[in-house]
Amino acid sequence: MNEESPLDRFRRWYRLLPPALRLLMTVNTVLFVAWIFVALSRPAARFVIEYFALTPAPVAFFRPWQLVTYAFLHLEGGVWGLIAFAFNMLWLYWMGRDYEETFGSHRLFGLYVLSALAGGLLAVAIGTVVPEGRLFPVAGAMAPVFGVLCCVAALYPNRGIGLLIIGVVPLKWLAIGFLALSVLFSLGHPANLMTFVGAAGMGVLFARAQQRGTDLAAWAQAFFASGTGGYAAPGRSAGGGVLARMEAWLARRKRGGEPAPRRAKKAAKAEGPSRREQREIRAASVGTAGQEDVDRILDKISERGYDALTAEEKRILFEASQR
C-alpha cells in the first residue's frame, strides 16, 4: 500500500480546518508570500505601506480600511519576519481552532476583525498625542491573535496549556505574560503597543458579552453557514478539544501502560464538570426553560464522559453554568 505523501497529508489537514480559521490563515499566508515579491519594488512597497498598513494618525480615518487591513500584512522580512509570521499563525491555530469548533465560525472571524479594529482605533488615538517622530506604520496579525487569546483566557482562565520548558501554564497568566512582553518590546513604538492593548480589551469584552448571551459577532453569521452553533469539521466530533486530540494521539503512539479507555475516562473527568459543579449547574438551571436539557446533558456526561457531548450540548452547559 502506498504511503500518503506529505502533500496529501497537508491537503487533508487543510480541508479539515474549520472555515473561519482556514480563511484567516489562508489570507495571512497569501499576503505574507505576496509581500516578499512586492518588497522587491520600492514604489510598490511604498504604496502598500501607505495605503494598507495602519498610519497611526487621524489621516487613517480617510482610509478606514487600514483599521482592518493592517492585521493581515506582515512587512518584516528575513528570518525574523518568517519566525514572527509562524508564531502568529501557530497561536491563531492553537487558540482559534477549539474556540471556533465550540462556539461557531462567525464568532472567531468576528473576534479577529473586531480585535484588529479596536487595536487600530487605539493606535490612531495615541497618534494624536505622540510626537510624529515616534510613530511608524503598524502591520501584523499579532494584535488580533492576542485578542483571540485574551477572549479564550477570559472564558477559561484556569485552563492549562503546555509550554516548552516552562510546563503547563493557566491561560490567564499566559495572557498577562504576553501583554507584559508586548509592553517590553514596544516601548519605542507606542502605536504598536496600543494595538495590543486595544485587541486585548476587545477580547475580554467579547468574552464577557458572550457569557451574558450577547453575540458581538452576529453580523458575521452571513458569511458562515454554521450559524450560532459550534462547527465540526468532517470526520470530527463537534467541539473536540486539544485534550481529546492529545488523548487520541497517545492512544495511537503509546505501547502498553495504562489502557486507552482509562486514559479517556481521565480526560473526560479532567475536562468535564465535577459532581459538585454538576449539582451547582442543576441548581442554577432550576426555573429556566432549559432545565431538562441540562439534566439530560449531565446524565450523558456521567454515562459517556464530557467528550461525548456535541458542540450544541457544550454550549447549553456553558450558558447554564454562567447562570
C-alpha atoms as a PDB file:
ATOM      1  CA  MET A   1       0.000   0.000   0.000  1.00  0.00           C
ATOM      2  CA  ASN A   2       1.365   3.409  -0.962  1.00  0.00           C
ATOM      3  CA  GLU A   3       2.036   5.744   1.932  1.00  0.00           C
ATOM      4  CA  GLU A   4       0.311   9.092   1.999  1.00  0.00           C
ATOM      5  CA  SER A   5       2.556  11.794   0.570  1.00  0.00           C
ATOM      6  CA  PRO A   6       3.363  14.980   2.542  1.00  0.00           C
ATOM      7  CA  LEU A   7       1.304  16.962   0.027  1.00  0.00           C
ATOM      8  CA  ASP A   8      -1.698  14.667   0.544  1.00  0.00           C
ATOM      9  CA  ARG A   9      -1.349  14.984   4.323  1.00  0.00           C
ATOM     10  CA  PHE A  10      -1.251  18.757   4.015  1.00  0.00           C
ATOM     11  CA  ARG A  11      -4.342  18.769   1.795  1.00  0.00           C
ATOM     12  CA  ARG A  12      -6.221  16.608   4.280  1.00  0.00           C
ATOM     13  CA  TRP A  13      -5.126  18.801   7.206  1.00  0.00           C
ATOM     14  CA  TYR A  14      -6.105  21.946   5.307  1.00  0.00           C
ATOM     15  CA  ARG A  15      -9.502  20.519   4.292  1.00  0.00           C
ATOM     16  CA  LEU A  16     -10.314  19.617   7.892  1.00  0.00           C
ATOM     17  CA  LEU A  17      -9.640  23.112   9.219  1.00  0.00           C
ATOM     18  CA  PRO A  18     -12.837  24.891  10.332  1.00  0.00           C
ATOM     19  CA  PRO A  19     -13.947  27.570   7.826  1.00  0.00           C
ATOM     20  CA  ALA A  20     -13.054  30.796   9.627  1.00  0.00           C
ATOM     21  CA  LEU A  21      -9.642  29.576  10.741  1.00  0.00           C
ATOM     22  CA  ARG A  22      -8.911  28.310   7.236  1.00  0.00           C
ATOM     23  CA  LEU A  23      -9.918  31.660   5.756  1.00  0.00           C
ATOM     24  CA  LEU A  24      -7.849  33.724   8.211  1.00  0.00           C
ATOM     25  CA  MET A  25      -4.738  31.582   7.876  1.00  0.00           C
ATOM     26  CA  THR A  26      -5.021  31.478   4.079  1.00  0.00           C
ATOM     27  CA  VAL A  27      -5.362  35.251   3.680  1.00  0.00           C
ATOM     28  CA  ASN A  28      -2.461  35.890   6.052  1.00  0.00           C
ATOM     29  CA  THR A  29      -0.239  33.350   4.298  1.00  0.00           C
ATOM     30  CA  VAL A  30      -1.035  34.531   0.769  1.00  0.00           C
ATOM     31  CA  LEU A  31      -0.330  38.160   1.698  1.00  0.00           C
ATOM     32  CA  PHE A  32       2.878  37.186   3.519  1.00  0.00           C
ATOM     33  CA  VAL A  33       4.189  35.440   0.408  1.00  0.00           C
ATOM     34  CA  ALA A  34       2.958  38.248  -1.862  1.00  0.00           C
ATOM     35  CA  TRP A  35       4.846  40.832   0.205  1.00  0.00           C
ATOM     36  CA  ILE A  36       8.134  39.020  -0.474  1.00  0.00           C
ATOM     37  CA  PHE A  37       7.732  39.855  -4.168  1.00  0.00           C
ATOM     38  CA  VAL A  38       6.147  43.271  -3.688  1.00  0.00           C
ATOM     39  CA  ALA A  39       9.075  44.348  -1.499  1.00  0.00           C
ATOM     40  CA  LEU A  40      11.399  43.903  -4.489  1.00  0.00           C
ATOM     41  CA  SER A  41       9.874  47.051  -5.987  1.00  0.00           C
ATOM     42  CA  ARG A  42      10.266  50.170  -3.870  1.00  0.00           C
ATOM     43  CA  PRO A  43       7.321  52.053  -5.446  1.00  0.00           C
ATOM     44  CA  ALA A  44       5.016  49.046  -4.942  1.00  0.00           C
ATOM     45  CA  ALA A  45       6.217  48.575  -1.375  1.00  0.00           C
ATOM     46  CA  ARG A  46       5.672  52.253  -0.538  1.00  0.00           C
ATOM     47  CA  PHE A  47       2.156  52.058  -2.000  1.00  0.00           C
ATOM     48  CA  VAL A  48       1.240  49.020   0.138  1.00  0.00           C
ATOM     49  CA  ILE A  49       2.654  50.570   3.310  1.00  0.00           C
ATOM     50  CA  GLU A  50       0.958  53.909   2.706  1.00  0.00           C
ATOM     51  CA  TYR A  51      -2.484  52.586   1.842  1.00  0.00           C
ATOM     52  CA  PHE A  52      -2.846  49.222   3.593  1.00  0.00           C
ATOM     53  CA  ALA A  53      -0.631  49.325   6.680  1.00  0.00           C
ATOM     54  CA  LEU A  54      -2.070  51.377   9.528  1.00  0.00           C
ATOM     55  CA  THR A  55      -0.966  55.000   9.645  1.00  0.00           C
ATOM     56  CA  PRO A  56      -1.261  55.879  13.360  1.00  0.00           C
ATOM     57  CA  ALA A  57      -2.602  59.368  12.750  1.00  0.00           C
ATOM     58  CA  PRO A  58      -6.002  60.962  12.004  1.00  0.00           C
ATOM     59  CA  VAL A  59      -5.303  60.513   8.283  1.00  0.00           C
ATOM     60  CA  ALA A  60      -6.293  56.865   8.833  1.00  0.00           C
ATOM     61  CA  PHE A  61      -9.915  57.965   9.152  1.00  0.00           C
ATOM     62  CA  PHE A  62      -9.761  58.955   5.487  1.00  0.00           C
ATOM     63  CA  ARG A  63      -8.570  55.416   4.719  1.00  0.00           C
ATOM     64  CA  PRO A  64     -10.781  53.465   7.131  1.00  0.00           C
ATOM     65  CA  TRP A  65      -9.929  50.097   5.591  1.00  0.00           C
ATOM     66  CA  GLN A  66      -6.482  50.439   7.180  1.00  0.00           C
ATOM     67  CA  LEU A  67      -8.069  49.754  10.576  1.00  0.00           C
ATOM     68  CA  VAL A  68      -8.512  46.128   9.437  1.00  0.00           C
ATOM     69  CA  THR A  69      -6.088  45.536   6.543  1.00  0.00           C
ATOM     70  CA  TYR A  70      -3.029  46.113   8.744  1.00  0.00           C
ATOM     71  CA  ALA A  71      -3.930  42.937  10.659  1.00  0.00           C
ATOM     72  CA  PHE A  72      -3.314  40.801   7.550  1.00  0.00           C
ATOM     73  CA  LEU A  73       0.020  42.338   6.498  1.00  0.00           C
ATOM     74  CA  HIS A  74       3.434  41.073   7.600  1.00  0.00           C
ATOM     75  CA  LEU A  75       6.030  43.566   6.460  1.00  0.00           C
ATOM     76  CA  GLU A  76       9.076  42.358   8.379  1.00  0.00           C
ATOM     77  CA  GLY A  77      11.457  40.453   6.132  1.00  0.00           C
ATOM     78  CA  GLY A  78      14.218  37.948   6.626  1.00  0.00           C
ATOM     79  CA  VAL A  79      14.412  35.122   9.111  1.00  0.00           C
ATOM     80  CA  TRP A  80      12.890  37.126  11.965  1.00  0.00           C
ATOM     81  CA  GLY A  81       9.951  38.068   9.775  1.00  0.00           C
ATOM     82  CA  LEU A  82       9.338  34.395   8.996  1.00  0.00           C
ATOM     83  CA  ILE A  83       9.611  33.466  12.679  1.00  0.00           C
ATOM     84  CA  ALA A  84       7.165  36.233  13.668  1.00  0.00           C
ATOM     85  CA  PHE A  85       4.681  35.139  10.997  1.00  0.00           C
ATOM     86  CA  ALA A  86       4.913  31.468  12.014  1.00  0.00           C
ATOM     87  CA  PHE A  87       4.492  32.449  15.682  1.00  0.00           C
ATOM     88  CA  ASN A  88       1.300  34.368  14.886  1.00  0.00           C
ATOM     89  CA  MET A  89      -0.201  31.574  12.783  1.00  0.00           C
ATOM     90  CA  LEU A  90       0.633  28.866  15.336  1.00  0.00           C
ATOM     91  CA  TRP A  91      -1.048  30.762  18.160  1.00  0.00           C
ATOM     92  CA  LEU A  92      -4.039  31.528  15.954  1.00  0.00           C
ATOM     93  CA  TYR A  93      -4.290  27.815  15.195  1.00  0.00           C
ATOM     94  CA  TRP A  94      -3.875  26.707  18.827  1.00  0.00           C
ATOM     95  CA  MET A  95      -6.326  29.225  20.282  1.00  0.00           C
ATOM     96  CA  GLY A  96      -8.716  29.630  17.372  1.00  0.00           C
ATOM     97  CA  ARG A  97      -9.475  26.049  16.415  1.00  0.00           C
ATOM     98  CA  ASP A  98     -11.068  24.903  19.653  1.00  0.00           C
ATOM     99  CA  TYR A  99     -12.856  28.221  20.056  1.00  0.00           C
ATOM    100  CA  GLU A 100     -14.378  28.030  16.573  1.00  0.00           C
ATOM    101  CA  GLU A 101     -15.365  24.376  16.859  1.00  0.00           C
ATOM    102  CA  THR A 102     -17.111  25.077  20.158  1.00  0.00           C
ATOM    103  CA  PHE A 103     -18.764  28.454  19.559  1.00  0.00           C
ATOM    104  CA  GLY A 104     -19.044  28.847  15.803  1.00  0.00           C
ATOM    105  CA  SER A 105     -17.077  30.083  12.800  1.00  0.00           C
ATOM    106  CA  HIS A 106     -18.659  33.516  12.731  1.00  0.00           C
ATOM    107  CA  ARG A 107     -17.520  34.209  16.299  1.00  0.00           C
ATOM    108  CA  LEU A 108     -13.842  33.516  15.567  1.00  0.00           C
ATOM    109  CA  PHE A 109     -13.949  35.623  12.409  1.00  0.00           C
ATOM    110  CA  GLY A 110     -15.801  38.451  14.153  1.00  0.00           C
ATOM    111  CA  LEU A 111     -13.445  38.316  17.139  1.00  0.00           C
ATOM    112  CA  TYR A 112     -10.392  38.608  14.871  1.00  0.00           C
ATOM    113  CA  VAL A 113     -11.812  41.562  12.931  1.00  0.00           C
ATOM    114  CA  LEU A 114     -13.139  43.406  15.998  1.00  0.00           C
ATOM    115  CA  SER A 115      -9.828  42.909  17.847  1.00  0.00           C
ATOM    116  CA  ALA A 116      -7.965  44.397  14.879  1.00  0.00           C
ATOM    117  CA  LEU A 117     -10.425  47.285  14.710  1.00  0.00           C
ATOM    118  CA  ALA A 118     -10.192  48.060  18.436  1.00  0.00           C
ATOM    119  CA  GLY A 119      -6.407  47.969  18.344  1.00  0.00           C
ATOM    120  CA  GLY A 120      -6.312  50.143  15.244  1.00  0.00           C
ATOM    121  CA  LEU A 121      -8.598  52.790  16.729  1.00  0.00           C
ATOM    122  CA  LEU A 122      -6.491  52.983  19.890  1.00  0.00           C
ATOM    123  CA  ALA A 123      -3.308  53.288  17.812  1.00  0.00           C
ATOM    124  CA  VAL A 124      -4.798  56.177  15.829  1.00  0.00           C
ATOM    125  CA  ALA A 125      -5.917  57.823  19.070  1.00  0.00           C
ATOM    126  CA  ILE A 126      -2.423  57.673  20.566  1.00  0.00           C
ATOM    127  CA  GLY A 127      -1.080  59.073  17.332  1.00  0.00           C
ATOM    128  CA  THR A 128      -2.809  62.362  18.018  1.00  0.00           C
ATOM    129  CA  VAL A 129      -0.731  62.995  21.170  1.00  0.00           C
ATOM    130  CA  VAL A 130       2.602  61.297  20.445  1.00  0.00           C
ATOM    131  CA  PRO A 131       5.296  63.216  18.530  1.00  0.00           C
ATOM    132  CA  GLU A 132       5.364  62.300  14.858  1.00  0.00           C
ATOM    133  CA  GLY A 133       8.972  61.124  15.075  1.00  0.00           C
ATOM    134  CA  ARG A 134       7.931  58.224  17.314  1.00  0.00           C
ATOM    135  CA  LEU A 135       5.168  56.977  15.035  1.00  0.00           C
ATOM    136  CA  PHE A 136       5.688  54.245  12.483  1.00  0.00           C
ATOM    137  CA  PRO A 137       3.264  52.298  10.243  1.00  0.00           C
ATOM    138  CA  VAL A 138       1.677  49.355  12.037  1.00  0.00           C
ATOM    139  CA  ALA A 139       1.205  45.924  10.482  1.00  0.00           C
ATOM    140  CA  GLY A 140       0.957  42.331  11.609  1.00  0.00           C
ATOM    141  CA  ALA A 141      -1.518  39.769  12.906  1.00  0.00           C
ATOM    142  CA  MET A 142      -0.166  39.737  16.459  1.00  0.00           C
ATOM    143  CA  ALA A 143      -2.778  42.174  17.798  1.00  0.00           C
ATOM    144  CA  PRO A 144      -5.910  40.249  16.667  1.00  0.00           C
ATOM    145  CA  VAL A 145      -4.279  36.922  17.578  1.00  0.00           C
ATOM    146  CA  PHE A 146      -3.681  38.361  21.042  1.00  0.00           C
ATOM    147  CA  GLY A 147      -7.352  39.368  21.104  1.00  0.00           C
ATOM    148  CA  VAL A 148      -8.342  35.747  20.430  1.00  0.00           C
ATOM    149  CA  LEU A 149      -6.019  34.565  23.211  1.00  0.00           C
ATOM    150  CA  CYS A 150      -7.476  37.064  25.701  1.00  0.00           C
ATOM    151  CA  CYS A 151     -11.031  36.043  24.808  1.00  0.00           C
ATOM    152  CA  VAL A 152     -10.305  32.355  25.380  1.00  0.00           C
ATOM    153  CA  ALA A 153      -8.416  33.190  28.584  1.00  0.00           C
ATOM    154  CA  ALA A 154     -11.375  35.221  29.854  1.00  0.00           C
ATOM    155  CA  LEU A 155     -13.740  32.315  29.140  1.00  0.00           C
ATOM    156  CA  TYR A 156     -11.455  29.632  30.604  1.00  0.00           C
ATOM    157  CA  PRO A 157      -8.940  31.439  32.865  1.00  0.00           C
ATOM    158  CA  ASN A 158      -7.714  28.319  34.635  1.00  0.00           C
ATOM    159  CA  ARG A 159      -7.445  26.040  31.612  1.00  0.00           C
ATOM    160  CA  GLY A 160      -3.815  24.951  31.300  1.00  0.00           C
ATOM    161  CA  ILE A 161      -1.701  24.941  28.177  1.00  0.00           C
ATOM    162  CA  GLY A 162       1.635  23.160  27.953  1.00  0.00           C
ATOM    163  CA  LEU A 163       4.657  25.280  27.022  1.00  0.00           C
ATOM    164  CA  LEU A 164       8.120  24.009  26.183  1.00  0.00           C
ATOM    165  CA  ILE A 165      10.488  24.158  29.196  1.00  0.00           C
ATOM    166  CA  ILE A 166       8.002  26.188  31.310  1.00  0.00           C
ATOM    167  CA  GLY A 167       5.384  23.437  31.575  1.00  0.00           C
ATOM    168  CA  VAL A 168       1.619  23.840  31.995  1.00  0.00           C
ATOM    169  CA  VAL A 169       0.506  27.457  32.442  1.00  0.00           C
ATOM    170  CA  PRO A 170      -3.083  28.683  33.086  1.00  0.00           C
ATOM    171  CA  LEU A 171      -4.384  30.773  30.194  1.00  0.00           C
ATOM    172  CA  LYS A 172      -4.959  33.828  32.390  1.00  0.00           C
ATOM    173  CA  TRP A 173      -1.257  34.002  33.275  1.00  0.00           C
ATOM    174  CA  LEU A 174      -0.280  33.313  29.685  1.00  0.00           C
ATOM    175  CA  ALA A 175      -2.338  36.293  28.500  1.00  0.00           C
ATOM    176  CA  ILE A 176      -0.865  38.535  31.202  1.00  0.00           C
ATOM    177  CA  GLY A 177       2.628  37.381  30.278  1.00  0.00           C
ATOM    178  CA  PHE A 178       2.070  38.149  26.602  1.00  0.00           C
ATOM    179  CA  LEU A 179       0.808  41.612  27.454  1.00  0.00           C
ATOM    180  CA  ALA A 180       3.877  42.257  29.611  1.00  0.00           C
ATOM    181  CA  LEU A 181       6.178  41.159  26.793  1.00  0.00           C
ATOM    182  CA  SER A 182       4.249  43.346  24.342  1.00  0.00           C
ATOM    183  CA  VAL A 183       4.836  46.363  26.588  1.00  0.00           C
ATOM    184  CA  LEU A 184       8.526  45.499  26.923  1.00  0.00           C
ATOM    185  CA  PHE A 185       9.164  45.100  23.194  1.00  0.00           C
ATOM    186  CA  SER A 186       7.003  48.062  22.120  1.00  0.00           C
ATOM    187  CA  LEU A 187       8.433  50.779  24.345  1.00  0.00           C
ATOM    188  CA  GLY A 188       9.766  52.664  21.333  1.00  0.00           C
ATOM    189  CA  HIS A 189       6.661  52.010  19.238  1.00  0.00           C
ATOM    190  CA  PRO A 190       3.641  53.378  21.154  1.00  0.00           C
ATOM    191  CA  ALA A 191       1.174  52.869  18.288  1.00  0.00           C
ATOM    192  CA  ASN A 192       2.086  49.199  18.030  1.00  0.00           C
ATOM    193  CA  LEU A 193       1.661  48.832  21.787  1.00  0.00           C
ATOM    194  CA  MET A 194      -1.807  50.365  21.577  1.00  0.00           C
ATOM    195  CA  THR A 195      -2.892  47.755  19.034  1.00  0.00           C
ATOM    196  CA  PHE A 196      -2.065  45.046  21.598  1.00  0.00           C
ATOM    197  CA  VAL A 197      -3.865  46.868  24.409  1.00  0.00           C
ATOM    198  CA  GLY A 198      -6.936  47.561  22.267  1.00  0.00           C
ATOM    199  CA  ALA A 199      -7.099  43.987  20.979  1.00  0.00           C
ATOM    200  CA  ALA A 200      -6.717  42.581  24.498  1.00  0.00           C
ATOM    201  CA  GLY A 201      -9.540  44.790  25.755  1.00  0.00           C
ATOM    202  CA  MET A 202     -11.771  43.707  22.885  1.00  0.00           C
ATOM    203  CA  GLY A 203     -11.001  40.041  23.553  1.00  0.00           C
ATOM    204  CA  VAL A 204     -12.078  40.356  27.193  1.00  0.00           C
ATOM    205  CA  LEU A 205     -15.138  42.431  26.257  1.00  0.00           C
ATOM    206  CA  PHE A 206     -16.102  39.877  23.605  1.00  0.00           C
ATOM    207  CA  ALA A 207     -15.880  37.051  26.148  1.00  0.00           C
ATOM    208  CA  ARG A 208     -17.902  38.918  28.781  1.00  0.00           C
ATOM    209  CA  ALA A 209     -20.595  39.743  26.232  1.00  0.00           C
ATOM    210  CA  GLN A 210     -20.702  36.108  25.149  1.00  0.00           C
ATOM    211  CA  GLN A 211     -21.124  34.986  28.755  1.00  0.00           C
ATOM    212  CA  ARG A 212     -24.085  37.364  29.083  1.00  0.00           C
ATOM    213  CA  GLY A 213     -25.657  35.954  25.930  1.00  0.00           C
ATOM    214  CA  THR A 214     -24.743  38.867  23.624  1.00  0.00           C
ATOM    215  CA  ASP A 215     -23.136  37.918  20.320  1.00  0.00           C
ATOM    216  CA  LEU A 216     -20.902  40.780  19.182  1.00  0.00           C
ATOM    217  CA  ALA A 217     -20.112  38.838  16.000  1.00  0.00           C
ATOM    218  CA  ALA A 218     -23.722  38.300  14.928  1.00  0.00           C
ATOM    219  CA  TRP A 219     -23.031  40.421  11.835  1.00  0.00           C
ATOM    220  CA  ALA A 220     -20.583  37.744  10.608  1.00  0.00           C
ATOM    221  CA  GLN A 221     -23.183  34.954  10.545  1.00  0.00           C
ATOM    222  CA  ALA A 222     -23.986  35.825   6.935  1.00  0.00           C
ATOM    223  CA  PHE A 223     -20.512  34.655   5.887  1.00  0.00           C
ATOM    224  CA  PHE A 224     -20.649  31.218   7.520  1.00  0.00           C
ATOM    225  CA  ALA A 225     -23.286  28.532   7.234  1.00  0.00           C
ATOM    226  CA  SER A 226     -22.544  27.224  10.743  1.00  0.00           C
ATOM    227  CA  GLY A 227     -24.674  29.989  12.249  1.00  0.00           C
ATOM    228  CA  THR A 228     -24.649  30.371  16.013  1.00  0.00           C
ATOM    229  CA  GLY A 229     -23.742  26.812  16.859  1.00  0.00           C
ATOM    230  CA  GLY A 230     -20.347  25.165  17.052  1.00  0.00           C
ATOM    231  CA  TYR A 231     -18.627  23.908  13.953  1.00  0.00           C
ATOM    232  CA  ALA A 232     -17.456  20.347  13.496  1.00  0.00           C
ATOM    233  CA  ALA A 233     -15.041  19.553  10.697  1.00  0.00           C
ATOM    234  CA  PRO A 234     -15.835  16.495   8.551  1.00  0.00           C
ATOM    235  CA  GLY A 235     -14.877  13.334  10.335  1.00  0.00           C
ATOM    236  CA  ARG A 236     -14.541  15.028  13.743  1.00  0.00           C
ATOM    237  CA  SER A 237     -16.902  15.212  16.654  1.00  0.00           C
ATOM    238  CA  ALA A 238     -18.163  18.712  17.367  1.00  0.00           C
ATOM    239  CA  GLY A 239     -16.211  20.582  19.973  1.00  0.00           C
ATOM    240  CA  GLY A 240     -13.280  18.131  20.144  1.00  0.00           C
ATOM    241  CA  GLY A 241     -10.724  19.917  22.286  1.00  0.00           C
ATOM    242  CA  VAL A 242      -6.940  19.858  22.444  1.00  0.00           C
ATOM    243  CA  LEU A 243      -7.055  17.379  25.326  1.00  0.00           C
ATOM    244  CA  ALA A 244      -9.235  14.988  23.329  1.00  0.00           C
ATOM    245  CA  ARG A 245      -6.892  15.160  20.340  1.00  0.00           C
ATOM    246  CA  MET A 246      -3.895  14.545  22.601  1.00  0.00           C
ATOM    247  CA  GLU A 247      -5.614  11.513  24.088  1.00  0.00           C
ATOM    248  CA  ALA A 248      -6.240  10.137  20.588  1.00  0.00           C
ATOM    249  CA  TRP A 249      -2.595  10.692  19.697  1.00  0.00           C
ATOM    250  CA  LEU A 250      -1.427   8.935  22.862  1.00  0.00           C
ATOM    251  CA  ALA A 251      -3.741   6.022  22.125  1.00  0.00           C
ATOM    252  CA  ARG A 252      -2.053   5.567  18.747  1.00  0.00           C
ATOM    253  CA  ARG A 253       1.508   6.113  19.968  1.00  0.00           C
ATOM    254  CA  LYS A 254       1.706   4.582  23.406  1.00  0.00           C
ATOM    255  CA  ARG A 255       2.557   0.915  23.734  1.00  0.00           C
ATOM    256  CA  GLY A 256       1.495  -0.800  26.938  1.00  0.00           C
ATOM    257  CA  GLY A 257       0.945   1.133  30.169  1.00  0.00           C
ATOM    258  CA  GLU A 258      -2.459   2.434  31.080  1.00  0.00           C
ATOM    259  CA  PRO A 259      -5.304   1.273  28.778  1.00  0.00           C
ATOM    260  CA  ALA A 260      -6.748   3.841  26.406  1.00  0.00           C
ATOM    261  CA  PRO A 261     -10.297   3.668  27.882  1.00  0.00           C
ATOM    262  CA  ARG A 262      -8.917   4.570  31.313  1.00  0.00           C
ATOM    263  CA  ARG A 263      -6.997   7.499  29.837  1.00  0.00           C
ATOM    264  CA  ALA A 264     -10.121   8.631  28.002  1.00  0.00           C
ATOM    265  CA  LYS A 265     -12.063   8.429  31.259  1.00  0.00           C
ATOM    266  CA  LYS A 266      -9.428  10.567  32.986  1.00  0.00           C
ATOM    267  CA  ALA A 267      -9.525  13.081  30.124  1.00  0.00           C
ATOM    268  CA  ALA A 268     -13.301  13.328  30.385  1.00  0.00           C
ATOM    269  CA  LYS A 269     -13.029  13.785  34.141  1.00  0.00           C
ATOM    270  CA  ALA A 270     -10.340  16.454  33.746  1.00  0.00           C
ATOM    271  CA  GLU A 271     -12.235  18.456  31.141  1.00  0.00           C
ATOM    272  CA  GLY A 272     -15.804  17.877  32.275  1.00  0.00           C
ATOM    273  CA  PRO A 273     -17.506  19.294  35.367  1.00  0.00           C
ATOM    274  CA  SER A 274     -17.069  17.624  38.749  1.00  0.00           C
ATOM    275  CA  ARG A 275     -20.009  16.231  40.723  1.00  0.00           C
ATOM    276  CA  ARG A 276     -20.094  19.375  42.867  1.00  0.00           C
ATOM    277  CA  GLU A 277     -20.103  21.538  39.719  1.00  0.00           C
ATOM    278  CA  GLN A 278     -22.867  19.372  38.263  1.00  0.00           C
ATOM    279  CA  ARG A 279     -25.016  19.991  41.349  1.00  0.00           C
ATOM    280  CA  GLU A 280     -24.325  23.729  41.077  1.00  0.00           C
ATOM    281  CA  ILE A 281     -25.298  23.746  37.408  1.00  0.00           C
ATOM    282  CA  ARG A 282     -28.504  21.849  38.178  1.00  0.00           C
ATOM    283  CA  ALA A 283     -29.332  24.337  40.917  1.00  0.00           C
ATOM    284  CA  ALA A 284     -28.574  27.300  38.668  1.00  0.00           C
ATOM    285  CA  SER A 285     -30.833  25.933  35.957  1.00  0.00           C
ATOM    286  CA  VAL A 286     -33.890  25.497  38.203  1.00  0.00           C
ATOM    287  CA  GLY A 287     -36.776  27.591  36.961  1.00  0.00           C
ATOM    288  CA  THR A 288     -35.300  28.019  33.471  1.00  0.00           C
ATOM    289  CA  ALA A 289     -36.692  26.632  30.241  1.00  0.00           C
ATOM    290  CA  GLY A 290     -33.535  24.512  29.746  1.00  0.00           C
ATOM    291  CA  GLN A 291     -33.582  22.530  32.993  1.00  0.00           C
ATOM    292  CA  GLU A 292     -34.499  19.257  31.275  1.00  0.00           C
ATOM    293  CA  ASP A 293     -31.771  19.782  28.679  1.00  0.00           C
ATOM    294  CA  VAL A 294     -29.184  20.421  31.374  1.00  0.00           C
ATOM    295  CA  ASP A 295     -30.242  17.301  33.290  1.00  0.00           C
ATOM    296  CA  ARG A 296     -30.023  15.228  30.143  1.00  0.00           C
ATOM    297  CA  ILE A 297     -26.563  16.593  29.306  1.00  0.00           C
ATOM    298  CA  LEU A 298     -25.219  15.962  32.804  1.00  0.00           C
ATOM    299  CA  ASP A 299     -26.570  12.425  32.730  1.00  0.00           C
ATOM    300  CA  LYS A 300     -24.816  11.930  29.394  1.00  0.00           C
ATOM    301  CA  ILE A 301     -21.534  13.123  30.939  1.00  0.00           C
ATOM    302  CA  SER A 302     -21.938  10.648  33.788  1.00  0.00           C
ATOM    303  CA  GLU A 303     -22.528   7.781  31.366  1.00  0.00           C
ATOM    304  CA  ARG A 304     -20.220   8.567  28.443  1.00  0.00           C
ATOM    305  CA  GLY A 305     -17.887  11.386  29.507  1.00  0.00           C
ATOM    306  CA  TYR A 306     -17.589  15.033  28.530  1.00  0.00           C
ATOM    307  CA  ASP A 307     -16.049  14.272  25.128  1.00  0.00           C
ATOM    308  CA  ALA A 308     -19.286  12.596  24.041  1.00  0.00           C
ATOM    309  CA  LEU A 309     -21.136  15.933  24.064  1.00  0.00           C
ATOM    310  CA  THR A 310     -21.937  17.744  20.853  1.00  0.00           C
ATOM    311  CA  ALA A 311     -20.983  21.387  20.359  1.00  0.00           C
ATOM    312  CA  GLU A 312     -24.580  22.451  20.992  1.00  0.00           C
ATOM    313  CA  GLU A 313     -24.695  20.482  24.267  1.00  0.00           C
ATOM    314  CA  LYS A 314     -21.438  22.068  25.399  1.00  0.00           C
ATOM    315  CA  ARG A 315     -22.860  25.492  24.601  1.00  0.00           C
ATOM    316  CA  ILE A 316     -26.024  24.780  26.641  1.00  0.00           C
ATOM    317  CA  LEU A 317     -23.922  23.543  29.559  1.00  0.00           C
ATOM    318  CA  PHE A 318     -21.628  26.582  29.372  1.00  0.00           C
ATOM    319  CA  GLU A 319     -24.558  29.028  29.358  1.00  0.00           C
ATOM    320  CA  ALA A 320     -26.231  27.184  32.245  1.00  0.00           C
ATOM    321  CA  SER A 321     -23.032  27.382  34.286  1.00  0.00           C
ATOM    322  CA  GLN A 322     -22.947  31.161  33.756  1.00  0.00           C
ATOM    323  CA  ARG A 323     -26.483  31.445  35.166  1.00  0.00           C
END
